[in-house]
């Protein structure tokens, strides 16, 4: 019987693929968001508080293909403050 790989290894492989695709310039879907990089910015598109928003963050250097895992954790936990945001469309609630 084969032993199962620990979940941590699978998470690391997924996060490495996430950062690899961003480094190549591809847009990546993460949960219900679309993440892309342009120049030295990280752009996260998604829906917050009933509005379709586009959030722009400065990119901090890190060890994973030039990205910082801590920055991404802070972005998706709403602890990172964006440089600015653009309201794409506001929907009535």
Protein backbone atom coordinates (compact mmCIF):
# COMPACT_ATOMS: atom_id res chain seq x y z
CA UNK A 1 0.00 0.00 0.00
CA UNK A 2 1.34 3.43 -0.95
CA UNK A 3 1.71 6.04 1.72
CA UNK A 4 -0.11 9.30 1.08
CA UNK A 5 1.90 12.46 0.66
CA UNK A 6 1.37 15.04 3.38
CA UNK A 7 -1.02 17.88 2.53
CA UNK A 8 1.75 20.42 3.15
CA UNK A 9 3.71 19.12 0.17
CA UNK A 10 0.64 19.48 -2.07
CA UNK A 11 0.04 23.02 -0.82
CA UNK A 12 3.66 23.93 -1.52
CA UNK A 13 3.38 22.55 -5.05
CA UNK A 14 0.19 24.58 -5.65
CA UNK A 15 1.69 27.77 -4.27
CA UNK A 16 4.88 27.26 -6.30
CA UNK A 17 2.77 26.83 -9.45
CA UNK A 18 0.77 29.96 -8.50
CA UNK A 19 3.94 32.07 -8.22
CA UNK A 20 5.50 30.49 -11.31
CA UNK A 21 2.48 31.41 -13.44
CA UNK A 22 2.49 34.99 -12.09
CA UNK A 23 6.22 35.28 -12.84
CA UNK A 24 5.50 34.27 -16.44
CA UNK A 25 2.97 37.11 -16.71
CA UNK A 26 -0.14 34.93 -16.67
CA UNK A 27 -3.31 35.82 -14.77
CA UNK A 28 -4.17 33.28 -12.06
CA UNK A 29 -7.54 32.52 -10.47
CA UNK A 30 -7.34 32.30 -6.67
CA UNK A 31 -10.59 31.55 -4.84
CA UNK A 32 -13.02 34.02 -6.45
CA UNK A 33 -10.31 36.51 -7.44
CA UNK A 34 -8.21 37.03 -10.53
CA UNK A 35 -4.58 37.90 -9.75
CA UNK A 36 -2.12 39.33 -12.26
CA UNK A 37 1.11 41.29 -12.20
CA UNK A 38 2.09 44.29 -14.29
CA UNK A 39 5.38 46.12 -13.90
CA UNK A 40 5.97 46.24 -10.13
CA UNK A 41 2.31 45.90 -9.15
CA UNK A 42 0.04 43.07 -8.11
CA UNK A 43 -3.51 43.54 -9.38
CA UNK A 44 -6.35 41.65 -7.70
CA UNK A 45 -9.76 41.73 -9.36
CA UNK A 46 -12.83 40.56 -7.50
CA UNK A 47 -15.95 41.46 -5.62
CA UNK A 48 -15.82 43.27 -2.27
CA UNK A 49 -18.80 44.67 -0.39
CA UNK A 50 -21.15 44.45 -3.37
CA UNK A 51 -18.77 46.11 -5.84
CA UNK A 52 -16.56 44.70 -8.55
CA UNK A 53 -13.16 46.15 -7.67
CA UNK A 54 -9.65 46.12 -9.00
CA UNK A 55 -7.07 46.54 -6.21
CA UNK A 56 -3.48 47.57 -6.94
CA UNK A 57 -0.64 46.69 -4.55
CA UNK A 58 3.09 47.39 -4.69
CA UNK A 59 5.00 44.14 -5.18
CA UNK A 60 7.39 43.26 -2.37
CA UNK A 61 10.35 41.02 -3.23
CA UNK A 62 10.44 37.51 -1.84
CA UNK A 63 11.90 34.03 -2.24
CA UNK A 64 9.17 32.45 -4.39
CA UNK A 65 9.89 33.48 -8.00
CA UNK A 66 10.42 37.02 -6.71
CA UNK A 67 7.13 37.11 -4.76
CA UNK A 68 6.50 37.26 -1.01
CA UNK A 69 4.12 34.64 0.43
CA UNK A 70 3.54 36.85 3.46
CA UNK A 71 2.34 39.68 1.23
CA UNK A 72 -0.19 37.42 -0.50
CA UNK A 73 -1.44 36.14 2.85
CA UNK A 74 -1.94 39.73 4.00
CA UNK A 75 -3.68 40.72 0.74
CA UNK A 76 -6.25 37.92 0.91
CA UNK A 77 -6.83 38.43 4.64
CA UNK A 78 -7.55 42.16 3.99
CA UNK A 79 -4.59 43.26 6.12
CA UNK A 80 -2.61 44.78 3.23
CA UNK A 81 -3.60 48.30 2.23
CA UNK A 82 -3.79 48.82 -1.56
CA UNK A 83 -2.08 51.74 -3.32
CA UNK A 84 -5.46 52.49 -4.87
CA UNK A 85 -8.56 50.74 -6.11
CA UNK A 86 -10.81 51.11 -9.13
CA UNK A 87 -14.54 50.41 -9.00
CA UNK A 88 -15.36 48.47 -12.13
CA UNK A 89 -19.06 48.21 -11.47
CA UNK A 90 -21.31 48.75 -8.46
CA UNK A 91 -24.33 46.51 -8.19
CA UNK A 92 -27.38 47.45 -6.15
CA UNK A 93 -27.95 45.20 -3.15
